[in-house]
């Protein structure tokens, strides 16, 4: 029995090769792999000794040879194949252990040059993997060091791998080469300015019990590389499995948390914030967020950008919540919250820059792709378009409201004061409807003066300004950009309301 080993990732390969040799296998190796194995005291053949041809072109050509691919592709049950091998002095290769040049790691470097990327495009490796995978009935193909132990155990026990294992490894190898080629194609097309193709690579993170409704099947996939504020890379510390709707809601909450550097907490239901607040610490932020809407938070999701302390956990525990997310839970907090066996506790990485992240939305027969809306302009005094100027404390609330309303379903209105939401109007078919909902919530909570209103889109009429004044709003932030902006500015001046135009909208459909 013969094995050919040629790996870029040399994790575990010395022990794997040594184990094969101890079982009497002949081992063939290339370049750096051969050097490592020989230095480790393992007897191996150089690939050139098998092919009778030296490695050329700086190693670009070494395994693309009939004595390699003939030995891999020949069917053991086909007399003509066996005759061809015998006539040409080609021996079988029964196992191929190959992983590929680190193209992903190379192009991930911010200063990568085209020539460096090109040199890390593997040619011989994928060819051997595909040949071995095609002939899986007779050949074992290995591309993942995690499989070494399983493969060796089967060979030691039965003299060879099991046929079912070889089929699984074949599928794994084709997946590996497909992902590798897709990554190269995507990068090269980007360099060439081509955009008519989109390649996606996601791994199964979890099979879900069902989708939005019990009669719908669903799965949760994640990207290959971790990003901050991602539920796909969170660590669950307690509670039952996440559902499809849990994941949707939790993602919406994390997008809001990402907006704030100061201690912040948000309660969320059906992908809209029902209470959000900043505070001097997580306890104050939670308390203000909860008091913003004690009714809607029932059965909701909570996310904070600070570690959850025992004190905060004691306050959260009496409330029925589906999920609590934070960068960390202190031990005391876990002791308190784990007494609720169904409450999902998720530690979510919140460090690092996400960069330009794509947002993918499926539509019937197609896919919409856009850059994720992560940038948010700071509301500044120079953006004021009215005679009345915002007071310094109002500037803080204008920025708070602007960051919250960005994540409310359009048409969106948020009414805030003192760093917390007092009313949220979401998803109405007209903006005045959203304003009425948000303002009425604030009034019902007993707040009728000094309010700040934020709108995700411009005001096509001055009706929202008129209504806002009736409910005690003294400052408004909106994108501006309507052909009738002047009507709203004039009305604000009449009513003594300060208004800022940010010059950027945040529709969320």
Protein backbone atom coordinates (compact mmCIF):
# COMPACT_ATOMS: atom_id res chain seq x y z
CA UNK A 1 0.00 0.00 0.00
CA UNK A 2 1.26 3.48 -0.87
CA UNK A 3 0.41 6.93 0.40
CA UNK A 4 1.31 10.27 -1.19
CA UNK A 5 1.61 13.16 1.27
CA UNK A 6 1.96 16.81 0.25
CA UNK A 7 0.60 19.32 2.75
CA UNK A 8 0.78 23.04 3.38
CA UNK A 9 -0.73 22.73 6.85
CA UNK A 10 1.61 20.27 8.52
CA UNK A 11 -0.42 19.86 11.71
CA UNK A 12 -0.24 16.22 12.80
CA UNK A 13 1.32 15.03 9.55
CA UNK A 14 4.51 13.64 11.15
CA UNK A 15 2.56 11.33 13.47
CA UNK A 16 0.22 10.34 10.65
CA UNK A 17 3.07 9.43 8.30
CA UNK A 18 4.95 7.60 11.04
CA UNK A 19 1.84 5.55 11.87
CA UNK A 20 1.42 4.55 8.21
CA UNK A 21 5.05 3.49 7.97
CA UNK A 22 4.72 1.39 11.12
CA UNK A 23 1.86 -0.45 9.42
CA UNK A 24 4.10 -1.19 6.44
CA UNK A 25 2.87 1.52 4.06
CA UNK A 26 5.23 3.12 1.60
CA UNK A 27 5.13 6.91 1.88
CA UNK A 28 5.83 9.32 -0.99
CA UNK A 29 6.24 13.04 -0.24
CA UNK A 30 7.01 16.31 -1.97
CA UNK A 31 9.22 19.31 -1.22
CA UNK A 32 8.79 20.73 2.26
CA UNK A 33 6.70 17.79 3.44
CA UNK A 34 9.43 15.34 2.45
CA UNK A 35 12.06 17.45 4.21
CA UNK A 36 10.02 17.59 7.43
CA UNK A 37 9.31 13.86 7.45
CA UNK A 38 12.92 12.90 6.81
CA UNK A 39 14.12 15.27 9.52
CA UNK A 40 11.65 13.50 11.82
CA UNK A 41 13.31 10.17 11.07
CA UNK A 42 10.61 8.82 8.77
CA UNK A 43 11.62 6.93 5.64
CA UNK A 44 9.92 8.50 2.62
CA UNK A 45 10.33 8.48 -1.14
CA UNK A 46 10.83 11.72 -3.03
CA UNK A 47 8.09 12.31 -5.60
CA UNK A 48 10.82 12.68 -8.24
CA UNK A 49 11.97 9.12 -7.52
CA UNK A 50 8.46 7.93 -8.41
CA UNK A 51 7.90 10.04 -11.52
CA UNK A 52 11.48 9.90 -12.78
CA UNK A 53 11.19 13.63 -13.41
CA UNK A 54 12.52 16.48 -11.29
CA UNK A 55 10.42 19.21 -9.74
CA UNK A 56 10.61 22.20 -12.09
CA UNK A 57 9.51 25.84 -12.33
CA UNK A 58 10.23 26.52 -8.64
CA UNK A 59 8.05 23.58 -7.63
CA UNK A 60 5.08 24.62 -9.76
CA UNK A 61 5.34 21.29 -11.60
CA UNK A 62 6.02 18.19 -9.55
CA UNK A 63 2.91 15.98 -9.23
CA UNK A 64 1.26 16.65 -12.61
CA UNK A 65 2.53 13.36 -14.01
CA UNK A 66 0.98 10.08 -15.31
CA UNK A 67 2.79 8.09 -12.63
CA UNK A 68 0.88 10.08 -10.03
CA UNK A 69 -2.52 10.44 -11.64
CA UNK A 70 -2.43 7.02 -13.27
CA UNK A 71 -1.78 5.50 -9.86
CA UNK A 72 -4.72 7.46 -8.45
CA UNK A 73 -7.29 7.12 -11.22
CA UNK A 74 -6.82 3.52 -12.36
CA UNK A 75 -9.76 1.32 -11.41
CA UNK A 76 -8.67 -1.80 -9.62
CA UNK A 77 -11.54 -3.80 -11.17
CA UNK A 78 -10.83 -2.82 -14.80
CA UNK A 79 -8.39 -5.17 -16.64
CA UNK A 80 -7.56 -2.52 -19.24
CA UNK A 81 -6.60 -0.05 -16.52
CA UNK A 82 -4.43 -2.63 -14.81
CA UNK A 83 -2.76 -3.51 -18.11
CA UNK A 84 -2.00 0.16 -18.84
CA UNK A 85 -0.38 0.60 -15.44
CA UNK A 86 1.73 -2.52 -15.84
CA UNK A 87 2.91 -1.57 -19.35
CA UNK A 88 3.94 1.89 -18.16
CA UNK A 89 5.49 0.89 -14.88
CA UNK A 90 2.95 2.75 -12.76
CA UNK A 91 2.11 1.64 -9.24
CA UNK A 92 -1.11 2.22 -7.33
CA UNK A 93 -1.41 5.12 -4.92
CA UNK A 94 -3.92 4.08 -2.28
CA UNK A 95 -4.08 7.21 -0.15
CA UNK A 96 -3.55 10.89 -0.90
CA UNK A 97 -3.01 13.33 1.95
CA UNK A 98 -3.10 16.88 0.58
CA UNK A 99 -4.09 20.30 1.80
CA UNK A 100 -3.66 23.41 -0.24
CA UNK A 101 -1.54 26.52 -0.38
CA UNK A 102 -2.82 29.19 2.06
CA UNK A 103 -4.59 31.40 -0.48
CA UNK A 104 -7.20 32.66 2.01
CA UNK A 105 -4.55 33.74 4.52
CA UNK A 106 -2.51 35.38 1.77
CA UNK A 107 -5.29 37.57 0.37
CA UNK A 108 -6.41 38.47 3.90
CA UNK A 109 -3.24 40.52 4.32
CA UNK A 110 -4.02 44.21 3.70
CA UNK A 111 -0.75 44.70 1.80
CA UNK A 112 -1.02 41.58 -0.38
CA UNK A 113 0.46 41.90 -3.86
CA UNK A 114 -0.89 40.20 -6.96
CA UNK A 115 2.28 38.13 -7.41
CA UNK A 116 2.05 36.81 -3.84
CA UNK A 117 -1.57 35.80 -4.33
CA UNK A 118 -0.78 34.08 -7.62
CA UNK A 119 2.04 32.05 -6.10
CA UNK A 120 -0.38 30.79 -3.46
CA UNK A 121 -2.78 29.32 -6.02
CA UNK A 122 -2.31 25.58 -5.74
CA UNK A 123 -2.50 23.57 -8.99
CA UNK A 124 -1.13 20.13 -8.26
CA UNK A 125 -2.89 19.80 -4.92
CA UNK A 126 -6.46 20.23 -6.21
CA UNK A 127 -5.64 17.96 -9.14
CA UNK A 128 -4.56 15.14 -6.85
CA UNK A 129 -7.52 15.65 -4.54
CA UNK A 130 -9.96 15.51 -7.44
CA UNK A 131 -8.33 12.43 -8.95
CA UNK A 132 -8.32 10.56 -5.66
CA UNK A 133 -11.88 11.68 -4.87
CA UNK A 134 -13.10 10.48 -8.27
CA UNK A 135 -11.65 7.03 -7.58
CA UNK A 136 -12.97 6.92 -4.00
CA UNK A 137 -14.02 3.29 -4.38
CA UNK A 138 -10.32 2.37 -4.19
CA UNK A 139 -8.48 5.47 -2.94
CA UNK A 140 -8.60 7.29 0.38
CA UNK A 141 -8.41 11.08 0.01
CA UNK A 142 -7.48 13.22 3.03
CA UNK A 143 -7.59 17.02 3.10
CA UNK A 144 -8.28 17.72 6.77
CA UNK A 145 -5.85 16.91 9.61
CA UNK A 146 -8.88 16.34 11.85
CA UNK A 147 -9.49 13.09 9.91
CA UNK A 148 -6.01 11.58 10.47
CA UNK A 149 -6.89 9.67 13.63
CA UNK A 150 -10.09 8.18 12.26
CA UNK A 151 -8.36 7.07 9.06
CA UNK A 152 -5.42 5.51 10.86
CA UNK A 153 -7.70 3.65 13.27
CA UNK A 154 -9.62 2.09 10.37
CA UNK A 155 -6.43 1.12 8.54
CA UNK A 156 -4.94 -0.39 11.69
CA UNK A 157 -8.11 -2.35 12.39
CA UNK A 158 -9.11 -3.50 8.92
CA UNK A 159 -6.07 -3.00 6.71
CA UNK A 160 -7.75 -0.13 4.85
CA UNK A 161 -10.39 2.51 5.31
CA UNK A 162 -14.04 1.54 5.08
CA UNK A 163 -15.82 2.21 1.79
CA UNK A 164 -18.39 4.47 3.47
CA UNK A 165 -15.55 6.52 4.93
CA UNK A 166 -13.91 6.88 1.54
CA UNK A 167 -17.18 8.18 0.07
CA UNK A 168 -17.50 10.77 2.83
CA UNK A 169 -13.89 11.83 2.39
CA UNK A 170 -14.42 12.12 -1.36
CA UNK A 171 -17.34 14.49 -0.86
CA UNK A 172 -15.29 16.45 1.64
CA UNK A 173 -12.40 16.76 -0.83
CA UNK A 174 -14.66 18.04 -3.62
CA UNK A 175 -16.13 20.55 -1.22
CA UNK A 176 -12.64 21.64 -0.24
CA UNK A 177 -11.51 22.17 -3.83
CA UNK A 178 -14.80 23.87 -4.76
CA UNK A 179 -14.44 26.35 -1.91
CA UNK A 180 -10.80 26.91 -2.81
CA UNK A 181 -11.58 27.59 -6.49
CA UNK A 182 -14.53 29.79 -5.54
CA UNK A 183 -12.28 31.86 -3.27
CA UNK A 184 -9.68 32.27 -6.05
CA UNK A 185 -12.31 33.08 -8.65
CA UNK A 186 -13.94 35.66 -6.40
CA UNK A 187 -10.65 37.40 -5.63
CA UNK A 188 -9.43 37.34 -9.24
CA UNK A 189 -12.75 38.65 -10.53
CA UNK A 190 -12.57 41.47 -8.04
CA UNK A 191 -9.08 42.34 -9.25
CA UNK A 192 -10.35 42.28 -12.83
CA UNK A 193 -13.40 44.42 -12.05
CA UNK A 194 -15.93 41.70 -12.87
CA UNK A 195 -19.14 41.56 -10.85
CA UNK A 196 -21.65 39.47 -12.79
CA UNK A 197 -21.05 36.44 -10.57
CA UNK A 198 -21.44 36.06 -6.80
CA UNK A 199 -19.86 33.15 -4.92
CA UNK A 200 -21.05 32.33 -1.41
CA UNK A 201 -19.48 30.07 1.18
CA UNK A 202 -21.29 29.27 4.42
CA UNK A 203 -20.99 26.37 6.87
CA UNK A 204 -23.88 24.80 8.72
CA UNK A 205 -23.96 26.14 12.26
CA UNK A 206 -27.22 24.60 13.39
CA UNK A 207 -30.25 22.73 12.13
CA UNK A 208 -33.28 24.55 13.51
CA UNK A 209 -36.46 22.98 14.83
CA UNK A 210 -38.43 25.00 12.28
CA UNK A 211 -38.48 28.35 10.52
CA UNK A 212 -40.71 31.37 11.09
CA UNK A 213 -43.61 28.94 11.53
CA UNK A 214 -43.72 25.27 12.60
CA UNK A 215 -44.49 24.00 9.09
CA UNK A 216 -41.30 25.57 7.63
CA UNK A 217 -37.93 23.81 7.66
CA UNK A 218 -34.87 25.95 8.44
CA UNK A 219 -31.12 25.85 8.96
CA UNK A 220 -28.62 28.41 10.27
CA UNK A 221 -25.35 28.85 8.33
CA UNK A 222 -22.33 30.95 9.18
CA UNK A 223 -19.48 32.49 7.22
CA UNK A 224 -16.00 31.03 7.35
CA UNK A 225 -14.34 33.91 9.21
CA UNK A 226 -15.62 35.31 12.54
CA UNK A 227 -16.86 38.90 12.75
CA UNK A 228 -17.79 40.90 15.87
CA UNK A 229 -21.42 41.32 16.94
CA UNK A 230 -22.27 38.07 15.18
CA UNK A 231 -24.68 35.55 16.64
CA UNK A 232 -23.12 32.94 14.36
CA UNK A 233 -19.98 33.02 16.51
CA UNK A 234 -21.61 33.49 19.90
CA UNK A 235 -21.18 31.02 22.78
CA UNK A 236 -24.39 29.77 24.37
CA UNK A 237 -24.06 29.36 28.13
CA UNK A 238 -27.62 28.38 29.05
CA UNK A 239 -31.07 27.68 27.70
CA UNK A 240 -32.74 25.74 24.94
CA UNK A 241 -31.78 25.88 21.27
CA UNK A 242 -32.24 29.08 19.33
CA UNK A 243 -35.14 29.29 16.92
CA UNK A 244 -35.28 30.98 13.51
CA UNK A 245 -37.13 33.97 14.96
CA UNK A 246 -34.76 34.13 17.94
CA UNK A 247 -31.84 34.45 15.56
CA UNK A 248 -33.51 37.17 13.51
CA UNK A 249 -34.39 39.18 16.61
CA UNK A 250 -31.02 38.66 18.26
CA UNK A 251 -29.22 39.86 15.15
CA UNK A 252 -31.35 43.02 15.10
CA UNK A 253 -30.49 43.67 18.75
CA UNK A 254 -26.77 43.23 18.12
CA UNK A 255 -26.89 45.72 15.25
CA UNK A 256 -28.25 48.31 17.68
CA UNK A 257 -25.69 47.51 20.38
CA UNK A 258 -22.92 48.05 17.83
CA UNK A 259 -23.90 51.74 17.66
CA UNK A 260 -22.81 52.55 21.21
CA UNK A 261 -19.48 52.77 23.03
CA UNK A 262 -20.93 53.94 26.37
CA UNK A 263 -22.78 51.43 28.58
CA UNK A 264 -25.97 50.57 26.71
CA UNK A 265 -28.84 48.11 26.88
CA UNK A 266 -31.69 47.38 24.49
CA UNK A 267 -34.85 45.31 24.77
CA UNK A 268 -36.21 44.07 21.45
CA UNK A 269 -39.35 42.41 20.11
CA UNK A 270 -40.07 41.40 16.52
CA UNK A 271 -36.86 43.06 15.26
CA UNK A 272 -37.76 46.49 16.70
CA UNK A 273 -36.42 48.06 19.91
CA UNK A 274 -39.09 48.38 22.58
CA UNK A 275 -36.79 49.97 25.13
CA UNK A 276 -33.21 51.22 24.87
CA UNK A 277 -31.02 53.32 27.12
CA UNK A 278 -27.52 54.39 28.03
CA UNK A 279 -26.30 54.60 31.61
CA UNK A 280 -23.28 54.92 33.84
CA UNK A 281 -23.12 51.11 33.99
CA UNK A 282 -25.03 48.03 32.87
CA UNK A 283 -27.40 48.21 35.85
CA UNK A 284 -28.53 51.74 35.08
CA UNK A 285 -28.74 51.05 31.33
CA UNK A 286 -30.92 47.98 31.94
CA UNK A 287 -33.14 49.75 34.43
CA UNK A 288 -33.80 52.68 32.09
CA UNK A 289 -34.39 50.37 29.11
CA UNK A 290 -36.83 48.21 31.05
CA UNK A 291 -38.74 51.17 32.43
CA UNK A 292 -39.08 52.58 28.91
CA UNK A 293 -41.63 49.85 28.08
CA UNK A 294 -42.34 47.28 30.77
CA UNK A 295 -45.12 45.69 28.73
CA UNK A 296 -43.49 45.04 25.37
CA UNK A 297 -40.29 43.57 26.83
CA UNK A 298 -42.27 40.51 28.02
CA UNK A 299 -40.91 37.54 26.07
CA UNK A 300 -38.32 39.75 24.41
CA UNK A 301 -34.58 39.81 23.86
CA UNK A 302 -32.04 41.88 25.78
CA UNK A 303 -28.58 42.86 24.58
CA UNK A 304 -25.93 44.94 26.32
CA UNK A 305 -22.39 45.98 25.46
CA UNK A 306 -21.10 45.50 29.02
CA UNK A 307 -20.54 42.34 31.09
CA UNK A 308 -23.66 41.31 32.98
CA UNK A 309 -23.05 41.56 36.73
CA UNK A 310 -24.83 39.73 39.52
CA UNK A 311 -26.69 42.95 40.37
CA UNK A 312 -27.90 43.33 36.80
CA UNK A 313 -28.84 39.64 36.65
CA UNK A 314 -30.96 39.96 39.81
CA UNK A 315 -32.90 42.76 38.13
CA UNK A 316 -33.36 40.85 34.88
CA UNK A 317 -34.31 37.51 36.44
CA UNK A 318 -37.96 38.31 37.38
CA UNK A 319 -38.77 39.31 33.79
CA UNK A 320 -39.72 36.66 31.24
CA UNK A 321 -37.04 36.99 28.58
CA UNK A 322 -36.09 34.73 25.69
CA UNK A 323 -32.43 35.73 25.35
CA UNK A 324 -29.83 37.86 27.12
CA UNK A 325 -26.70 38.74 25.12
CA UNK A 326 -23.52 40.36 26.39
CA UNK A 327 -19.76 40.26 25.78
CA UNK A 328 -19.44 38.40 29.10
CA UNK A 329 -21.44 37.12 32.07
CA UNK A 330 -19.80 37.29 35.48
CA UNK A 331 -19.93 34.07 37.51
CA UNK A 332 -22.39 35.60 39.94
CA UNK A 333 -24.69 36.55 37.06
CA UNK A 334 -24.59 33.00 35.71
CA UNK A 335 -25.50 31.59 39.13
CA UNK A 336 -28.57 33.81 39.16
CA UNK A 337 -29.71 33.40 35.57
CA UNK A 338 -29.02 29.69 35.13
CA UNK A 339 -31.84 28.97 37.57
CA UNK A 340 -34.10 29.73 34.58
CA UNK A 341 -33.34 26.66 32.48
CA UNK A 342 -34.97 27.92 29.27
CA UNK A 343 -33.39 31.38 29.32
CA UNK A 344 -30.78 31.56 26.58
CA UNK A 345 -27.56 33.27 27.65
CA UNK A 346 -25.19 34.17 24.83
CA UNK A 347 -21.67 35.55 25.04
CA UNK A 348 -21.11 37.51 21.84
CA UNK A 349 -17.69 38.75 20.65
CA UNK A 350 -17.89 42.54 20.47
CA UNK A 351 -14.25 43.44 19.88
CA UNK A 352 -12.69 44.32 16.54
CA UNK A 353 -13.72 45.99 13.33
CA UNK A 354 -16.24 44.28 11.12
CA UNK A 355 -15.10 46.17 8.02
CA UNK A 356 -17.36 46.27 4.98
CA UNK A 357 -19.87 43.50 5.65
CA UNK A 358 -22.35 42.32 3.02
CA UNK A 359 -26.02 42.04 3.76
CA UNK A 360 -27.78 39.31 1.80
CA UNK A 361 -31.55 39.24 1.37
CA UNK A 362 -33.30 36.55 -0.65
CA UNK A 363 -36.19 37.39 -2.96
CA UNK A 364 -38.13 35.03 -5.22
CA UNK A 365 -35.62 33.83 -7.79
CA UNK A 366 -32.87 36.20 -6.73
CA UNK A 367 -30.66 37.74 -4.09
CA UNK A 368 -30.18 41.35 -3.04
CA UNK A 369 -26.70 42.27 -1.83
CA UNK A 370 -25.72 45.52 -0.18
CA UNK A 371 -23.08 46.87 2.15
CA UNK A 372 -24.27 46.64 5.75
CA UNK A 373 -25.36 50.02 7.13
CA UNK A 374 -22.76 50.31 9.88
CA UNK A 375 -21.70 53.96 9.55
CA UNK A 376 -23.74 56.56 11.44
CA UNK A 377 -23.08 60.27 11.23
CA UNK A 378 -22.78 62.22 14.46
CA UNK A 379 -25.46 64.85 14.88
CA UNK A 380 -23.71 68.19 15.31
CA UNK A 381 -24.85 71.70 16.15
CA UNK A 382 -23.86 72.86 12.65
CA UNK A 383 -26.61 70.64 11.22
CA UNK A 384 -29.31 72.80 12.82
CA UNK A 385 -31.61 74.45 10.23
CA UNK A 386 -33.93 76.34 12.60
CA UNK A 387 -33.71 79.56 14.55
CA UNK A 388 -33.80 77.67 17.83
CA UNK A 389 -30.58 75.78 18.53
CA UNK A 390 -30.45 72.49 20.45
CA UNK A 391 -29.26 72.74 24.04
CA UNK A 392 -26.09 70.72 24.88
CA UNK A 393 -28.09 68.03 26.69
CA UNK A 394 -30.41 67.81 23.71
CA UNK A 395 -27.45 67.12 21.42
CA UNK A 396 -26.80 63.93 23.36
CA UNK A 397 -30.42 62.87 22.97
CA UNK A 398 -30.44 63.80 19.28
CA UNK A 399 -27.49 61.46 18.73
CA UNK A 400 -29.05 58.76 20.90
CA UNK A 401 -32.37 58.97 19.05
CA UNK A 402 -30.65 59.03 15.66
CA UNK A 403 -28.80 55.81 16.43
CA UNK A 404 -31.94 54.09 17.68
CA UNK A 405 -34.33 55.12 14.89
CA UNK A 406 -31.84 53.83 12.35
CA UNK A 407 -32.71 50.29 13.50
CA UNK A 408 -36.50 50.67 13.64
CA UNK A 409 -38.59 49.38 10.74
CA UNK A 410 -39.55 52.18 8.34
CA UNK A 411 -41.50 54.39 8.57
CA UNK A 412 -39.72 54.92 11.89
CA UNK A 413 -40.06 57.46 14.69
CA UNK A 414 -38.30 57.34 18.07
CA UNK A 415 -39.08 59.68 20.95
CA UNK A 416 -36.32 59.91 23.55
CA UNK A 417 -35.17 61.86 26.57
CA UNK A 418 -32.25 61.57 28.97
CA UNK A 419 -30.62 58.75 27.01
CA UNK A 420 -33.58 56.39 26.79
CA UNK A 421 -36.49 55.67 24.49
CA UNK A 422 -39.96 56.78 25.58
CA UNK A 423 -41.86 55.76 22.47
CA UNK A 424 -41.16 53.90 19.24
CA UNK A 425 -43.33 53.95 16.13
CA UNK A 426 -42.37 51.26 13.62
CA UNK A 427 -43.38 49.97 10.22
CA UNK A 428 -46.39 52.16 9.54
CA UNK A 429 -47.51 52.94 6.02
CA UNK A 430 -47.20 56.68 6.68
CA UNK A 431 -44.85 58.67 8.88
CA UNK A 432 -47.55 60.54 10.80
CA UNK A 433 -48.91 57.16 11.92
CA UNK A 434 -45.55 56.17 13.37
CA UNK A 435 -45.23 59.56 15.05
CA UNK A 436 -48.65 59.22 16.68
CA UNK A 437 -47.73 55.80 18.10
CA UNK A 438 -44.37 56.94 19.50
CA UNK A 439 -45.65 60.21 20.93
CA UNK A 440 -48.67 58.60 22.54
CA UNK A 441 -46.40 56.03 24.21
CA UNK A 442 -44.30 58.84 25.66
CA UNK A 443 -47.38 60.68 26.94
CA UNK A 444 -48.81 57.49 28.46
CA UNK A 445 -45.53 57.10 30.35
CA UNK A 446 -45.99 60.59 31.80
CA UNK A 447 -43.50 62.51 29.62
CA UNK A 448 -44.92 65.64 28.04
CA UNK A 449 -42.04 68.12 27.83
CA UNK A 450 -38.42 68.36 26.75
CA UNK A 451 -38.74 65.43 24.34
CA UNK A 452 -36.51 64.74 21.34
CA UNK A 453 -37.92 63.09 18.21
CA UNK A 454 -35.89 61.20 15.60
CA UNK A 455 -37.14 60.17 12.16
CA UNK A 456 -35.37 57.75 9.82
CA UNK A 457 -36.68 59.59 6.75
CA UNK A 458 -37.51 63.17 5.84
CA UNK A 459 -40.87 64.87 6.48
CA UNK A 460 -42.81 65.32 3.22
CA UNK A 461 -45.23 67.60 5.10
CA UNK A 462 -45.14 69.69 8.26
CA UNK A 463 -47.77 67.55 10.01
CA UNK A 464 -45.20 65.59 12.05
CA UNK A 465 -43.72 68.83 13.36
CA UNK A 466 -47.15 70.13 14.36
CA UNK A 467 -48.01 66.88 16.11
CA UNK A 468 -44.63 66.74 17.86
CA UNK A 469 -45.15 70.19 19.37
CA UNK A 470 -48.49 69.09 20.81
CA UNK A 471 -46.75 66.31 22.72
CA UNK A 472 -43.89 68.38 24.14
CA UNK A 473 -41.13 67.77 21.59
CA UNK A 474 -38.51 70.53 21.64
CA UNK A 475 -35.91 69.10 19.22
CA UNK A 476 -36.09 66.96 16.08
CA UNK A 477 -33.47 65.13 14.04
CA UNK A 478 -34.22 63.89 10.53
CA UNK A 479 -32.30 63.35 7.27
CA UNK A 480 -33.77 66.29 5.34
CA UNK A 481 -34.01 66.13 1.57
CA UNK A 482 -37.72 66.63 0.90
CA UNK A 483 -38.73 69.15 -1.76
CA UNK A 484 -40.91 70.60 1.01
CA UNK A 485 -38.22 70.77 3.71
CA UNK A 486 -38.84 74.47 4.06
CA UNK A 487 -42.42 73.82 5.22
CA UNK A 488 -41.14 71.73 8.14
CA UNK A 489 -38.41 74.24 9.01
CA UNK A 490 -40.90 77.12 8.95
CA UNK A 491 -43.34 75.21 11.16
CA UNK A 492 -40.56 74.32 13.61
CA UNK A 493 -39.60 78.00 13.84
CA UNK A 494 -43.22 78.93 14.50
CA UNK A 495 -43.47 76.37 17.30
CA UNK A 496 -40.04 76.98 18.83
CA UNK A 497 -38.59 73.56 17.97
CA UNK A 498 -34.94 73.00 17.12
CA UNK A 499 -34.40 70.81 14.06
CA UNK A 500 -31.27 69.20 12.63
CA UNK A 501 -30.82 67.79 9.14
CA UNK A 502 -28.22 65.00 9.13
CA UNK A 503 -28.14 64.61 5.35
CA UNK A 504 -28.26 60.81 5.56
CA UNK A 505 -31.26 58.50 5.78
CA UNK A 506 -31.52 55.04 7.33
CA UNK A 507 -34.53 53.28 5.84
CA UNK A 508 -34.97 49.74 7.13
CA UNK A 509 -37.43 47.62 5.20
